[in-house]
């Protein structure tokens, strides 16, 4: 079992920045990738960014087109944490952001943190 706790969400003005954090605990040795997703009311949960943390491909990242150049995902294996630095925020970035940890055949989710970008 893996437990994930997000933090860092909040209210920010257009053009501002936020840094989301996700702390992982439990059976974390088998995690091979970590990702950030977001979901708004009535919308599907969508992948924002992901990073591989396994030995063979550690460090590979993926970004949704809508956040490329503005968001950056990073992982600190010593702290068992993954971060999402969000810059140049837009109103359309307003959503609940979720952290996900992937094992080979199991996904674990955090409880989510609200990000609101006001214009």
Protein backbone atom coordinates (compact mmCIF):
# COMPACT_ATOMS: atom_id res chain seq x y z
CA UNK A 1 0.00 0.00 0.00
CA UNK A 2 1.20 3.48 -0.88
CA UNK A 3 -0.14 6.62 0.74
CA UNK A 4 0.00 10.00 -0.97
CA UNK A 5 -0.66 13.39 0.55
CA UNK A 6 -0.79 16.53 -1.61
CA UNK A 7 -0.25 20.07 -0.42
CA UNK A 8 0.46 23.50 -1.80
CA UNK A 9 -2.78 24.33 -3.53
CA UNK A 10 -4.55 27.62 -3.05
CA UNK A 11 -5.78 30.81 -4.63
CA UNK A 12 -3.48 32.71 -6.96
CA UNK A 13 -3.88 35.50 -9.49
CA UNK A 14 -3.42 35.09 -13.20
CA UNK A 15 0.27 34.93 -14.04
CA UNK A 16 1.20 33.78 -10.59
CA UNK A 17 2.94 30.63 -9.41
CA UNK A 18 2.27 27.74 -7.09
CA UNK A 19 4.29 24.71 -6.10
CA UNK A 20 2.41 21.51 -5.34
CA UNK A 21 3.98 18.81 -3.21
CA UNK A 22 3.09 15.16 -2.86
CA UNK A 23 4.56 13.11 -0.03
CA UNK A 24 4.63 9.34 -0.48
CA UNK A 25 4.80 6.75 2.28
CA UNK A 26 4.23 3.04 2.70
CA UNK A 27 5.50 0.46 0.22
CA UNK A 28 7.21 2.96 -2.06
CA UNK A 29 10.06 0.75 -3.30
CA UNK A 30 7.95 -0.61 -6.18
CA UNK A 31 6.78 2.75 -7.48
CA UNK A 32 7.94 3.23 -11.08
CA UNK A 33 6.32 6.54 -11.96
CA UNK A 34 4.66 9.52 -10.32
CA UNK A 35 2.25 11.90 -11.92
CA UNK A 36 0.01 14.90 -11.43
CA UNK A 37 -3.53 14.91 -12.76
CA UNK A 38 -6.27 17.51 -12.58
CA UNK A 39 -10.01 17.37 -12.65
CA UNK A 40 -12.72 19.97 -12.77
CA UNK A 41 -16.47 19.65 -12.17
CA UNK A 42 -18.04 17.42 -14.81
CA UNK A 43 -14.71 16.74 -16.47
CA UNK A 44 -12.53 13.65 -16.74
CA UNK A 45 -9.36 13.48 -14.71
CA UNK A 46 -6.54 14.44 -17.06
CA UNK A 47 -2.80 13.89 -16.92
CA UNK A 48 -0.82 17.08 -16.42
CA UNK A 49 2.73 15.82 -15.94
CA UNK A 50 4.53 12.61 -15.07
CA UNK A 51 8.01 11.49 -14.16
CA UNK A 52 9.61 8.08 -14.19
CA UNK A 53 11.44 7.06 -11.04
CA UNK A 54 12.49 3.48 -11.81
CA UNK A 55 16.12 2.50 -12.34
CA UNK A 56 16.00 1.94 -16.10
CA UNK A 57 14.30 5.16 -17.13
CA UNK A 58 14.46 7.36 -14.09
CA UNK A 59 13.97 11.00 -14.74
CA UNK A 60 11.98 10.82 -17.97
CA UNK A 61 9.18 13.39 -17.93
CA UNK A 62 5.95 13.96 -19.79
CA UNK A 63 3.83 17.11 -20.01
CA UNK A 64 0.41 17.79 -21.41
CA UNK A 65 0.56 20.29 -24.27
CA UNK A 66 -1.46 22.79 -22.28
CA UNK A 67 1.21 23.13 -19.59
CA UNK A 68 4.46 22.72 -21.54
CA UNK A 69 6.84 25.55 -20.81
CA UNK A 70 4.87 26.64 -17.73
CA UNK A 71 4.87 23.63 -15.40
CA UNK A 72 7.77 21.50 -14.21
CA UNK A 73 7.61 18.15 -12.44
CA UNK A 74 10.43 16.90 -10.24
CA UNK A 75 11.00 14.09 -7.78
CA UNK A 76 13.13 13.91 -4.68
CA UNK A 77 13.70 10.23 -3.94
CA UNK A 78 15.46 11.01 -0.67
CA UNK A 79 12.33 12.75 0.59
CA UNK A 80 9.91 10.39 -1.17
CA UNK A 81 8.23 13.37 -2.72
CA UNK A 82 7.16 14.68 -6.10
CA UNK A 83 6.60 18.33 -6.92
CA UNK A 84 4.79 20.34 -9.55
CA UNK A 85 6.05 23.87 -10.08
CA UNK A 86 3.33 25.85 -11.83
CA UNK A 87 4.20 29.20 -13.37
CA UNK A 88 2.29 31.66 -15.53
CA UNK A 89 -0.97 30.29 -14.22
CA UNK A 90 -4.15 30.83 -16.21
CA UNK A 91 -7.81 30.69 -15.17
CA UNK A 92 -8.16 27.43 -17.12
CA UNK A 93 -5.63 25.85 -14.76
CA UNK A 94 -8.25 26.01 -12.01
CA UNK A 95 -8.96 22.43 -10.94
CA UNK A 96 -8.39 19.90 -8.22
CA UNK A 97 -4.91 18.46 -8.65
CA UNK A 98 -4.21 14.84 -7.76
CA UNK A 99 -0.97 12.98 -7.26
CA UNK A 100 -0.71 9.42 -8.59
CA UNK A 101 1.87 6.71 -7.95
CA UNK A 102 2.15 3.78 -10.34
CA UNK A 103 3.38 0.29 -9.60
CA UNK A 104 3.35 -2.37 -12.32
CA UNK A 105 -0.36 -3.01 -12.08
CA UNK A 106 -1.63 -0.79 -9.28
CA UNK A 107 -2.28 2.94 -9.15
CA UNK A 108 -2.48 4.93 -5.94
CA UNK A 109 -4.09 8.36 -5.62
CA UNK A 110 -3.89 11.20 -3.19
CA UNK A 111 -6.91 13.10 -1.95
CA UNK A 112 -6.35 16.13 -4.17
CA UNK A 113 -5.59 19.78 -3.61
CA UNK A 114 -7.57 22.69 -5.02
CA UNK A 115 -5.89 25.23 -7.27
CA UNK A 116 -7.87 28.35 -8.13
CA UNK A 117 -6.55 30.98 -10.51
CA UNK A 118 -8.45 34.24 -10.33
CA UNK A 119 -8.60 36.89 -13.01
